[in-house]
PDB file of N, CA and C in Angstrom:
ATOM      1  N   UNK A   1       2.826 -35.142   2.453  1.00  0.00           N
ATOM      2  CA  UNK A   1       2.606 -35.113   3.874  1.00  0.00           C
ATOM      3  C   UNK A   1       3.140 -33.788   4.431  1.00  0.00           C
ATOM      4  N   UNK A   2       2.370 -33.105   5.287  1.00  0.00           N
ATOM      5  CA  UNK A   2       2.830 -31.838   5.861  1.00  0.00           C
ATOM      6  C   UNK A   2       4.062 -32.044   6.730  1.00  0.00           C
ATOM      7  N   UNK A   3       4.917 -31.039   6.724  1.00  0.00           N
ATOM      8  CA  UNK A   3       6.143 -31.087   7.515  1.00  0.00           C
ATOM      9  C   UNK A   3       6.035 -30.108   8.675  1.00  0.00           C
ATOM     10  N   UNK A   4       6.553 -30.494   9.831  1.00  0.00           N
ATOM     11  CA  UNK A   4       6.636 -29.577  10.961  1.00  0.00           C
ATOM     12  C   UNK A   4       7.944 -28.814  10.834  1.00  0.00           C
ATOM     13  N   UNK A   5       7.898 -27.510  11.070  1.00  0.00           N
ATOM     14  CA  UNK A   5       9.111 -26.712  10.925  1.00  0.00           C
ATOM     15  C   UNK A   5       9.269 -25.766  12.108  1.00  0.00           C
ATOM     16  N   UNK A   6      10.505 -25.419  12.376  1.00  0.00           N
ATOM     17  CA  UNK A   6      10.851 -24.374  13.338  1.00  0.00           C
ATOM     18  C   UNK A   6      11.934 -23.548  12.669  1.00  0.00           C
ATOM     19  N   UNK A   7      11.587 -22.330  12.265  1.00  0.00           N
ATOM     20  CA  UNK A   7      12.536 -21.520  11.535  1.00  0.00           C
ATOM     21  C   UNK A   7      12.552 -20.097  12.076  1.00  0.00           C
ATOM     22  N   UNK A   8      13.598 -19.345  11.684  1.00  0.00           N
ATOM     23  CA  UNK A   8      13.717 -17.961  12.114  1.00  0.00           C
ATOM     24  C   UNK A   8      14.191 -17.097  10.961  1.00  0.00           C
ATOM     25  N   UNK A   9      13.982 -15.784  11.119  1.00  0.00           N
ATOM     26  CA  UNK A   9      14.491 -14.772  10.192  1.00  0.00           C
ATOM     27  C   UNK A   9      14.881 -13.569  11.034  1.00  0.00           C
ATOM     28  N   UNK A  10      16.094 -13.094  10.829  1.00  0.00           N
ATOM     29  CA  UNK A  10      16.572 -11.914  11.552  1.00  0.00           C
ATOM     30  C   UNK A  10      17.151 -10.935  10.544  1.00  0.00           C
ATOM     31  N   UNK A  11      16.721  -9.687  10.631  1.00  0.00           N
ATOM     32  CA  UNK A  11      17.356  -8.594   9.911  1.00  0.00           C
ATOM     33  C   UNK A  11      17.886  -7.670  10.995  1.00  0.00           C
ATOM     34  N   UNK A  12      19.202  -7.561  11.070  1.00  0.00           N
ATOM     35  CA  UNK A  12      19.789  -6.768  12.141  1.00  0.00           C
ATOM     36  C   UNK A  12      21.259  -6.504  11.899  1.00  0.00           C
ATOM     37  N   UNK A  13      21.877  -5.880  12.877  1.00  0.00           N
ATOM     38  CA  UNK A  13      23.290  -5.506  12.780  1.00  0.00           C
ATOM     39  C   UNK A  13      24.162  -6.459  13.585  1.00  0.00           C
ATOM     40  N   UNK A  14      25.347  -6.724  13.046  1.00  0.00           N
ATOM     41  CA  UNK A  14      26.288  -7.629  13.706  1.00  0.00           C
ATOM     42  C   UNK A  14      26.953  -6.910  14.871  1.00  0.00           C
ATOM     43  N   UNK A  15      26.974  -7.591  16.022  1.00  0.00           N
ATOM     44  CA  UNK A  15      27.688  -7.074  17.179  1.00  0.00           C
ATOM     45  C   UNK A  15      29.089  -7.623  17.241  1.00  0.00           C
ATOM     46  N   UNK A  16      29.219  -8.937  17.082  1.00  0.00           N
ATOM     47  CA  UNK A  16      30.550  -9.548  17.044  1.00  0.00           C
ATOM     48  C   UNK A  16      30.475 -10.903  16.358  1.00  0.00           C
ATOM     49  N   UNK A  17      31.627 -11.336  15.882  1.00  0.00           N
ATOM     50  CA  UNK A  17      31.761 -12.645  15.245  1.00  0.00           C
ATOM     51  C   UNK A  17      32.820 -13.410  16.028  1.00  0.00           C
ATOM     52  N   UNK A  18      32.444 -14.610  16.484  1.00  0.00           N
ATOM     53  CA  UNK A  18      33.363 -15.441  17.260  1.00  0.00           C
ATOM     54  C   UNK A  18      33.661 -16.707  16.477  1.00  0.00           C
ATOM     55  N   UNK A  19      34.865 -16.811  15.909  1.00  0.00           N
ATOM     56  CA  UNK A  19      35.214 -18.032  15.165  1.00  0.00           C
ATOM     57  C   UNK A  19      35.613 -19.151  16.118  1.00  0.00           C
ATOM     58  N   UNK A  20      35.175 -20.345  15.798  1.00  0.00           N
ATOM     59  CA  UNK A  20      35.584 -21.553  16.510  1.00  0.00           C
ATOM     60  C   UNK A  20      36.153 -22.515  15.467  1.00  0.00           C
ATOM     61  N   UNK A  21      36.523 -23.718  15.901  1.00  0.00           N
ATOM     62  CA  UNK A  21      37.182 -24.656  15.003  1.00  0.00           C
ATOM     63  C   UNK A  21      36.333 -24.998  13.778  1.00  0.00           C
ATOM     64  N   UNK A  22      35.067 -25.366  13.990  1.00  0.00           N
ATOM     65  CA  UNK A  22      34.229 -25.801  12.868  1.00  0.00           C
ATOM     66  C   UNK A  22      33.055 -24.873  12.585  1.00  0.00           C
ATOM     67  N   UNK A  23      32.835 -23.870  13.432  1.00  0.00           N
ATOM     68  CA  UNK A  23      31.687 -22.974  13.267  1.00  0.00           C
ATOM     69  C   UNK A  23      32.100 -21.538  13.560  1.00  0.00           C
ATOM     70  N   UNK A  24      31.200 -20.611  13.203  1.00  0.00           N
ATOM     71  CA  UNK A  24      31.331 -19.211  13.605  1.00  0.00           C
ATOM     72  C   UNK A  24      30.032 -18.834  14.306  1.00  0.00           C
ATOM     73  N   UNK A  25      30.167 -18.142  15.420  1.00  0.00           N
ATOM     74  CA  UNK A  25      29.006 -17.623  16.129  1.00  0.00           C
ATOM     75  C   UNK A  25      28.906 -16.138  15.811  1.00  0.00           C
ATOM     76  N   UNK A  26      27.732 -15.710  15.341  1.00  0.00           N
ATOM     77  CA  UNK A  26      27.513 -14.320  14.974  1.00  0.00           C
ATOM     78  C   UNK A  26      26.420 -13.759  15.871  1.00  0.00           C
ATOM     79  N   UNK A  27      26.737 -12.675  16.562  1.00  0.00           N
ATOM     80  CA  UNK A  27      25.776 -11.993  17.415  1.00  0.00           C
ATOM     81  C   UNK A  27      25.084 -10.924  16.580  1.00  0.00           C
ATOM     82  N   UNK A  28      23.743 -11.036  16.435  1.00  0.00           N
ATOM     83  CA  UNK A  28      22.977 -10.134  15.582  1.00  0.00           C
ATOM     84  C   UNK A  28      21.901  -9.449  16.422  1.00  0.00           C
ATOM     85  N   UNK A  29      21.852  -8.118  16.356  1.00  0.00           N
ATOM     86  CA  UNK A  29      20.874  -7.339  17.112  1.00  0.00           C
ATOM     87  C   UNK A  29      19.564  -7.243  16.345  1.00  0.00           C
ATOM     88  N   UNK A  30      18.466  -7.361  17.080  1.00  0.00           N
ATOM     89  CA  UNK A  30      17.139  -7.131  16.521  1.00  0.00           C
ATOM     90  C   UNK A  30      16.432  -6.146  17.441  1.00  0.00           C
ATOM     91  N   UNK A  31      15.782  -5.142  16.865  1.00  0.00           N
ATOM     92  CA  UNK A  31      15.089  -4.121  17.648  1.00  0.00           C
ATOM     93  C   UNK A  31      13.590  -4.363  17.641  1.00  0.00           C
ATOM     94  N   UNK A  32      12.983  -4.179  18.818  1.00  0.00           N
ATOM     95  CA  UNK A  32      11.544  -4.351  18.972  1.00  0.00           C
ATOM     96  C   UNK A  32      10.987  -3.126  19.672  1.00  0.00           C
ATOM     97  N   UNK A  33       9.897  -2.591  19.153  1.00  0.00           N
ATOM     98  CA  UNK A  33       9.236  -1.457  19.784  1.00  0.00           C
ATOM     99  C   UNK A  33       8.221  -1.952  20.796  1.00  0.00           C
ATOM    100  N   UNK A  34       8.159  -1.241  21.922  1.00  0.00           N
ATOM    101  CA  UNK A  34       7.173  -1.578  22.949  1.00  0.00           C
ATOM    102  C   UNK A  34       6.622  -0.293  23.534  1.00  0.00           C
ATOM    103  N   UNK A  35       5.436  -0.392  24.029  1.00  0.00           N
ATOM    104  CA  UNK A  35       4.790   0.770  24.626  1.00  0.00           C
ATOM    105  C   UNK A  35       5.100   0.812  26.115  1.00  0.00           C
ATOM    106  N   UNK A  36       5.507   1.973  26.592  1.00  0.00           N
ATOM    107  CA  UNK A  36       5.781   2.188  28.009  1.00  0.00           C
ATOM    108  C   UNK A  36       4.954   3.400  28.431  1.00  0.00           C
ATOM    109  N   UNK A  37       3.747   3.136  28.930  1.00  0.00           N
ATOM    110  CA  UNK A  37       2.815   4.235  29.225  1.00  0.00           C
ATOM    111  C   UNK A  37       2.353   4.866  27.936  1.00  0.00           C
ATOM    112  N   UNK A  38       2.579   6.172  27.798  1.00  0.00           N
ATOM    113  CA  UNK A  38       2.197   6.883  26.568  1.00  0.00           C
ATOM    114  C   UNK A  38       3.335   6.959  25.553  1.00  0.00           C
ATOM    115  N   UNK A  39       4.498   6.445  25.917  1.00  0.00           N
ATOM    116  CA  UNK A  39       5.659   6.527  25.037  1.00  0.00           C
ATOM    117  C   UNK A  39       5.985   5.177  24.416  1.00  0.00           C
ATOM    118  N   UNK A  40       6.658   5.236  23.270  1.00  0.00           N
ATOM    119  CA  UNK A  40       7.178   4.037  22.631  1.00  0.00           C
ATOM    120  C   UNK A  40       8.671   3.968  22.891  1.00  0.00           C
ATOM    121  N   UNK A  41       9.151   2.798  23.253  1.00  0.00           N
ATOM    122  CA  UNK A  41      10.574   2.581  23.484  1.00  0.00           C
ATOM    123  C   UNK A  41      11.045   1.433  22.605  1.00  0.00           C
ATOM    124  N   UNK A  42      12.339   1.426  22.328  1.00  0.00           N
ATOM    125  CA  UNK A  42      12.926   0.372  21.516  1.00  0.00           C
ATOM    126  C   UNK A  42      13.812  -0.501  22.393  1.00  0.00           C
ATOM    127  N   UNK A  43      13.569  -1.793  22.347  1.00  0.00           N
ATOM    128  CA  UNK A  43      14.413  -2.771  23.034  1.00  0.00           C
ATOM    129  C   UNK A  43      15.286  -3.458  21.997  1.00  0.00           C
ATOM    130  N   UNK A  44      16.568  -3.575  22.299  1.00  0.00           N
ATOM    131  CA  UNK A  44      17.485  -4.307  21.430  1.00  0.00           C
ATOM    132  C   UNK A  44      17.769  -5.663  22.052  1.00  0.00           C
ATOM    133  N   UNK A  45      17.510  -6.718  21.293  1.00  0.00           N
ATOM    134  CA  UNK A  45      17.766  -8.079  21.753  1.00  0.00           C
ATOM    135  C   UNK A  45      18.853  -8.690  20.878  1.00  0.00           C
ATOM    136  N   UNK A  46      19.805  -9.356  21.525  1.00  0.00           N
ATOM    137  CA  UNK A  46      20.921  -9.968  20.807  1.00  0.00           C
ATOM    138  C   UNK A  46      20.655 -11.446  20.598  1.00  0.00           C
ATOM    139  N   UNK A  47      20.865 -11.892  19.370  1.00  0.00           N
ATOM    140  CA  UNK A  47      20.651 -13.282  18.990  1.00  0.00           C
ATOM    141  C   UNK A  47      21.977 -13.895  18.571  1.00  0.00           C
ATOM    142  N   UNK A  48      22.298 -15.055  19.132  1.00  0.00           N
ATOM    143  CA  UNK A  48      23.521 -15.761  18.761  1.00  0.00           C
ATOM    144  C   UNK A  48      23.176 -16.783  17.694  1.00  0.00           C
ATOM    145  N   UNK A  49      23.757 -16.599  16.503  1.00  0.00           N
ATOM    146  CA  UNK A  49      23.469 -17.460  15.364  1.00  0.00           C
ATOM    147  C   UNK A  49      24.679 -18.346  15.101  1.00  0.00           C
ATOM    148  N   UNK A  50      24.437 -19.647  14.926  1.00  0.00           N
ATOM    149  CA  UNK A  50      25.493 -20.611  14.641  1.00  0.00           C
ATOM    150  C   UNK A  50      25.619 -20.757  13.128  1.00  0.00           C
ATOM    151  N   UNK A  51      26.838 -20.534  12.601  1.00  0.00           N
ATOM    152  CA  UNK A  51      27.075 -20.635  11.160  1.00  0.00           C
ATOM    153  C   UNK A  51      28.078 -21.753  10.893  1.00  0.00           C
ATOM    154  N   UNK A  52      27.594 -22.837  10.307  1.00  0.00           N
ATOM    155  CA  UNK A  52      28.469 -23.939   9.928  1.00  0.00           C
ATOM    156  C   UNK A  52      29.112 -23.635   8.582  1.00  0.00           C
ATOM    157  N   UNK A  53      29.911 -24.555   8.077  1.00  0.00           N
ATOM    158  CA  UNK A  53      30.711 -24.317   6.869  1.00  0.00           C
ATOM    159  C   UNK A  53      29.892 -23.888   5.660  1.00  0.00           C
ATOM    160  N   UNK A  54      28.641 -24.320   5.557  1.00  0.00           N
ATOM    161  CA  UNK A  54      27.844 -23.961   4.375  1.00  0.00           C
ATOM    162  C   UNK A  54      27.559 -22.463   4.293  1.00  0.00           C
ATOM    163  N   UNK A  55      27.540 -21.740   5.400  1.00  0.00           N
ATOM    164  CA  UNK A  55      27.343 -20.288   5.366  1.00  0.00           C
ATOM    165  C   UNK A  55      28.499 -19.519   5.993  1.00  0.00           C
ATOM    166  N   UNK A  56      29.429 -20.214   6.606  1.00  0.00           N
ATOM    167  CA  UNK A  56      30.550 -19.537   7.267  1.00  0.00           C
ATOM    168  C   UNK A  56      31.389 -18.739   6.273  1.00  0.00           C
ATOM    169  N   UNK A  57      31.430 -19.154   5.009  1.00  0.00           N
ATOM    170  CA  UNK A  57      32.190 -18.414   4.005  1.00  0.00           C
ATOM    171  C   UNK A  57      31.612 -17.019   3.772  1.00  0.00           C
ATOM    172  N   UNK A  58      30.281 -16.875   3.825  1.00  0.00           N
ATOM    173  CA  UNK A  58      29.664 -15.559   3.676  1.00  0.00           C
ATOM    174  C   UNK A  58      29.975 -14.668   4.876  1.00  0.00           C
ATOM    175  N   UNK A  59      30.153 -15.284   6.036  1.00  0.00           N
ATOM    176  CA  UNK A  59      30.464 -14.526   7.245  1.00  0.00           C
ATOM    177  C   UNK A  59      31.858 -13.908   7.148  1.00  0.00           C
ATOM    178  N   UNK A  60      32.754 -14.531   6.378  1.00  0.00           N
ATOM    179  CA  UNK A  60      34.117 -14.015   6.206  1.00  0.00           C
ATOM    180  C   UNK A  60      34.119 -12.571   5.710  1.00  0.00           C
ATOM    181  N   UNK A  61      33.130 -12.189   4.910  1.00  0.00           N
ATOM    182  CA  UNK A  61      33.064 -10.845   4.335  1.00  0.00           C
ATOM    183  C   UNK A  61      32.312  -9.854   5.213  1.00  0.00           C
ATOM    184  N   UNK A  62      31.778 -10.316   6.343  1.00  0.00           N
ATOM    185  CA  UNK A  62      30.966  -9.472   7.219  1.00  0.00           C
ATOM    186  C   UNK A  62      31.805  -8.919   8.355  1.00  0.00           C
ATOM    187  N   UNK A  63      31.347  -7.809   8.916  1.00  0.00           N
ATOM    188  CA  UNK A  63      32.039  -7.199  10.040  1.00  0.00           C
ATOM    189  C   UNK A  63      31.066  -6.539  10.993  1.00  0.00           C
ATOM    190  N   UNK A  64      31.593  -6.074  12.101  1.00  0.00           N
ATOM    191  CA  UNK A  64      30.782  -5.431  13.130  1.00  0.00           C
ATOM    192  C   UNK A  64      30.032  -4.236  12.546  1.00  0.00           C
ATOM    193  N   UNK A  65      28.741  -4.158  12.850  1.00  0.00           N
ATOM    194  CA  UNK A  65      27.908  -3.056  12.382  1.00  0.00           C
ATOM    195  C   UNK A  65      27.228  -3.289  11.058  1.00  0.00           C
ATOM    196  N   UNK A  66      27.633  -4.324  10.317  1.00  0.00           N
ATOM    197  CA  UNK A  66      26.992  -4.621   9.031  1.00  0.00           C
ATOM    198  C   UNK A  66      25.540  -5.031   9.249  1.00  0.00           C
ATOM    199  N   UNK A  67      24.670  -4.579   8.332  1.00  0.00           N
ATOM    200  CA  UNK A  67      23.268  -4.984   8.348  1.00  0.00           C
ATOM    201  C   UNK A  67      23.151  -6.299   7.584  1.00  0.00           C
ATOM    202  N   UNK A  68      22.607  -7.332   8.234  1.00  0.00           N
ATOM    203  CA  UNK A  68      22.535  -8.656   7.620  1.00  0.00           C
ATOM    204  C   UNK A  68      21.115  -9.218   7.682  1.00  0.00           C
ATOM    205  N   UNK A  69      20.865 -10.161   6.804  1.00  0.00           N
ATOM    206  CA  UNK A  69      19.609 -10.925   6.772  1.00  0.00           C
ATOM    207  C   UNK A  69      19.996 -12.383   6.933  1.00  0.00           C
ATOM    208  N   UNK A  70      19.516 -13.003   8.008  1.00  0.00           N
ATOM    209  CA  UNK A  70      19.866 -14.387   8.308  1.00  0.00           C
ATOM    210  C   UNK A  70      18.583 -15.191   8.462  1.00  0.00           C
ATOM    211  N   UNK A  71      18.523 -16.353   7.807  1.00  0.00           N
ATOM    212  CA  UNK A  71      17.401 -17.272   8.006  1.00  0.00           C
ATOM    213  C   UNK A  71      17.964 -18.629   8.382  1.00  0.00           C
ATOM    214  N   UNK A  72      17.138 -19.419   9.008  1.00  0.00           N
ATOM    215  CA  UNK A  72      17.599 -20.741   9.384  1.00  0.00           C
ATOM    216  C   UNK A  72      16.588 -21.503  10.204  1.00  0.00           C
ATOM    217  N   UNK A  73      17.088 -22.499  10.918  1.00  0.00           N
ATOM    218  CA  UNK A  73      16.217 -23.375  11.689  1.00  0.00           C
ATOM    219  C   UNK A  73      16.558 -23.292  13.173  1.00  0.00           C
ATOM    220  N   UNK A  74      15.578 -23.585  13.981  1.00  0.00           N
ATOM    221  CA  UNK A  74      15.734 -23.587  15.429  1.00  0.00           C
ATOM    222  C   UNK A  74      15.889 -25.026  15.871  1.00  0.00           C
ATOM    223  N   UNK A  75      16.868 -25.279  16.742  1.00  0.00           N
ATOM    224  CA  UNK A  75      17.020 -26.635  17.251  1.00  0.00           C
ATOM    225  C   UNK A  75      17.397 -26.593  18.728  1.00  0.00           C
ATOM    226  N   UNK A  76      16.986 -27.623  19.423  1.00  0.00           N
ATOM    227  CA  UNK A  76      17.349 -27.789  20.827  1.00  0.00           C
ATOM    228  C   UNK A  76      18.590 -28.659  20.889  1.00  0.00           C
ATOM    229  N   UNK A  77      19.498 -28.328  21.807  1.00  0.00           N
ATOM    230  CA  UNK A  77      20.721 -29.088  21.955  1.00  0.00           C
ATOM    231  C   UNK A  77      21.019 -29.229  23.436  1.00  0.00           C
ATOM    232  N   UNK A  78      21.772 -30.263  23.786  1.00  0.00           N
ATOM    233  CA  UNK A  78      22.177 -30.426  25.173  1.00  0.00           C
ATOM    234  C   UNK A  78      23.556 -31.051  25.214  1.00  0.00           C
ATOM    235  N   UNK A  79      24.235 -30.834  26.335  1.00  0.00           N
ATOM    236  CA  UNK A  79      25.517 -31.484  26.552  1.00  0.00           C
ATOM    237  C   UNK A  79      25.692 -31.702  28.051  1.00  0.00           C
ATOM    238  N   UNK A  80      26.531 -32.636  28.385  1.00  0.00           N
ATOM    239  CA  UNK A  80      26.755 -33.000  29.775  1.00  0.00           C
ATOM    240  C   UNK A  80      26.213 -34.385  30.058  1.00  0.00           C
ATOM    241  N   UNK A  81      26.387 -34.810  31.298  1.00  0.00           N
ATOM    242  CA  UNK A  81      25.932 -36.140  31.696  1.00  0.00           C
ATOM    243  C   UNK A  81      25.263 -36.086  33.059  1.00  0.00           C
ATOM    244  N   UNK A  82      24.387 -37.045  33.307  1.00  0.00           N
ATOM    245  CA  UNK A  82      23.738 -37.185  34.611  1.00  0.00           C
ATOM    246  C   UNK A  82      22.964 -35.947  35.008  1.00  0.00           C
ATOM    247  N   UNK A  83      23.243 -35.435  36.201  1.00  0.00           N
ATOM    248  CA  UNK A  83      22.551 -34.246  36.705  1.00  0.00           C
ATOM    249  C   UNK A  83      23.173 -32.940  36.199  1.00  0.00           C
ATOM    250  N   UNK A  84      24.244 -33.047  35.423  1.00  0.00           N
ATOM    251  CA  UNK A  84      24.948 -31.863  34.930  1.00  0.00           C
ATOM    252  C   UNK A  84      24.704 -31.664  33.436  1.00  0.00           C
ATOM    253  N   UNK A  85      23.434 -31.748  33.021  1.00  0.00           N
ATOM    254  CA  UNK A  85      23.073 -31.571  31.614  1.00  0.00           C
ATOM    255  C   UNK A  85      22.622 -30.129  31.409  1.00  0.00           C
ATOM    256  N   UNK A  86      23.169 -29.476  30.385  1.00  0.00           N
ATOM    257  CA  UNK A  86      22.796 -28.111  30.032  1.00  0.00           C
ATOM    258  C   UNK A  86      22.032 -28.147  28.718  1.00  0.00           C
ATOM    259  N   UNK A  87      20.874 -27.478  28.698  1.00  0.00           N
ATOM    260  CA  UNK A  87      20.042 -27.414  27.494  1.00  0.00           C
ATOM    261  C   UNK A  87      20.136 -26.017  26.901  1.00  0.00           C
ATOM    262  N   UNK A  88      20.046 -25.956  25.568  1.00  0.00           N
ATOM    263  CA  UNK A  88      20.156 -24.671  24.898  1.00  0.00           C
ATOM    264  C   UNK A  88      19.360 -24.690  23.598  1.00  0.00           C
ATOM    265  N   UNK A  89      18.765 -23.556  23.259  1.00  0.00           N
ATOM    266  CA  UNK A  89      18.103 -23.386  21.978  1.00  0.00           C
ATOM    267  C   UNK A  89      19.084 -22.700  21.036  1.00  0.00           C
ATOM    268  N   UNK A  90      19.336 -23.313  19.886  1.00  0.00           N
ATOM    269  CA  UNK A  90      20.297 -22.771  18.919  1.00  0.00           C
ATOM    270  C   UNK A  90      19.593 -22.276  17.669  1.00  0.00           C
ATOM    271  N   UNK A  91      20.090 -21.177  17.124  1.00  0.00           N
ATOM    272  CA  UNK A  91      19.643 -20.662  15.840  1.00  0.00           C
ATOM    273  C   UNK A  91      20.724 -21.024  14.828  1.00  0.00           C
ATOM    274  N   UNK A  92      20.430 -21.976  13.949  1.00  0.00           N
ATOM    275  CA  UNK A  92      21.406 -22.474  12.978  1.00  0.00           C
ATOM    276  C   UNK A  92      21.101 -21.830  11.624  1.00  0.00           C
ATOM    277  N   UNK A  93      22.060 -21.075  11.100  1.00  0.00           N
ATOM    278  CA  UNK A  93      21.860 -20.331   9.854  1.00  0.00           C
ATOM    279  C   UNK A  93      21.847 -21.248   8.640  1.00  0.00           C
ATOM    280  N   UNK A  94      20.871 -21.035   7.769  1.00  0.00           N
ATOM    281  CA  UNK A  94      20.823 -21.684   6.454  1.00  0.00           C
ATOM    282  C   UNK A  94      21.242 -20.701   5.363  1.00  0.00           C
ATOM    283  N   UNK A  95      20.885 -19.414   5.546  1.00  0.00           N
ATOM    284  CA  UNK A  95      21.309 -18.365   4.615  1.00  0.00           C
ATOM    285  C   UNK A  95      21.844 -17.193   5.413  1.00  0.00           C
ATOM    286  N   UNK A  96      22.801 -16.479   4.827  1.00  0.00           N
ATOM    287  CA  UNK A  96      23.423 -15.325   5.471  1.00  0.00           C
ATOM    288  C   UNK A  96      23.765 -14.327   4.380  1.00  0.00           C
ATOM    289  N   UNK A  97      23.128 -13.158   4.407  1.00  0.00           N
ATOM    290  CA  UNK A  97      23.350 -12.143   3.368  1.00  0.00           C
ATOM    291  C   UNK A  97      23.681 -10.808   4.006  1.00  0.00           C
ATOM    292  N   UNK A  98      24.657 -10.124   3.440  1.00  0.00           N
ATOM    293  CA  UNK A  98      24.994  -8.780   3.887  1.00  0.00           C
ATOM    294  C   UNK A  98      24.142  -7.808   3.093  1.00  0.00           C
ATOM    295  N   UNK A  99      23.328  -7.003   3.780  1.00  0.00           N
ATOM    296  CA  UNK A  99      22.456  -6.034   3.115  1.00  0.00           C
ATOM    297  C   UNK A  99      23.150  -4.682   2.952  1.00  0.00           C
ATOM    298  N   UNK A 100      23.959  -4.290   3.949  1.00  0.00           N
ATOM    299  CA  UNK A 100      24.694  -3.022   3.876  1.00  0.00           C
ATOM    300  C   UNK A 100      25.898  -3.095   4.794  1.00  0.00           C
ATOM    301  N   UNK A 101      27.027  -2.621   4.294  1.00  0.00           N
ATOM    302  CA  UNK A 101      28.234  -2.563   5.109  1.00  0.00           C
ATOM    303  C   UNK A 101      28.116  -1.389   6.091  1.00  0.00           C
ATOM    304  N   UNK A 102      28.694  -1.523   7.255  1.00  0.00           N
ATOM    305  CA  UNK A 102      28.580  -0.500   8.294  1.00  0.00           C
ATOM    306  C   UNK A 102      29.146   0.834   7.842  1.00  0.00           C
ATOM    307  N   UNK A 103      30.281   0.835   7.156  1.00  0.00           N
ATOM    308  CA  UNK A 103      30.912   2.087   6.753  1.00  0.00           C
ATOM    309  C   UNK A 103      30.262   2.741   5.538  1.00  0.00           C
ATOM    310  N   UNK A 104      29.467   1.986   4.772  1.00  0.00           N
ATOM    311  CA  UNK A 104      28.853   2.555   3.572  1.00  0.00           C
ATOM    312  C   UNK A 104      27.715   3.522   3.906  1.00  0.00           C
ATOM    313  N   UNK A 105      27.138   3.408   5.114  1.00  0.00           N
ATOM    314  CA  UNK A 105      26.039   4.301   5.475  1.00  0.00           C
ATOM    315  C   UNK A 105      26.533   5.663   5.916  1.00  0.00           C
ATOM    316  N   UNK A 106      27.826   5.782   6.248  1.00  0.00           N
ATOM    317  CA  UNK A 106      28.367   7.050   6.702  1.00  0.00           C
ATOM    318  C   UNK A 106      28.933   7.890   5.557  1.00  0.00           C
ATOM    319  N   UNK A 107      28.891   7.388   4.351  1.00  0.00           N
ATOM    320  CA  UNK A 107      29.451   8.113   3.207  1.00  0.00           C
ATOM    321  C   UNK A 107      28.438   9.046   2.593  1.00  0.00           C
TER     322      UNK A 107
END
């Protein structure tokens, strides 16, 4: 039987890592080219990726500026009660790989 999926893939640089009690949030930049008149411009978009214990160990070796490849699933989440419910789309990492360390490119 066919399965419905919602997945993502990001290849980008780490902006910051925010550790929490059970998860780590990793901010990863992705660049997109767009046309502005006759010129091409690059837009940088920041993606917040949720890393649970299954991939959080790989995040331990990562740092700001590292080039990473992250894949995972997209899920909707909400919290709150009554009229005070907040909805959010989360990117939950299934794999996390460091492609290049930030300082290795300057050598």
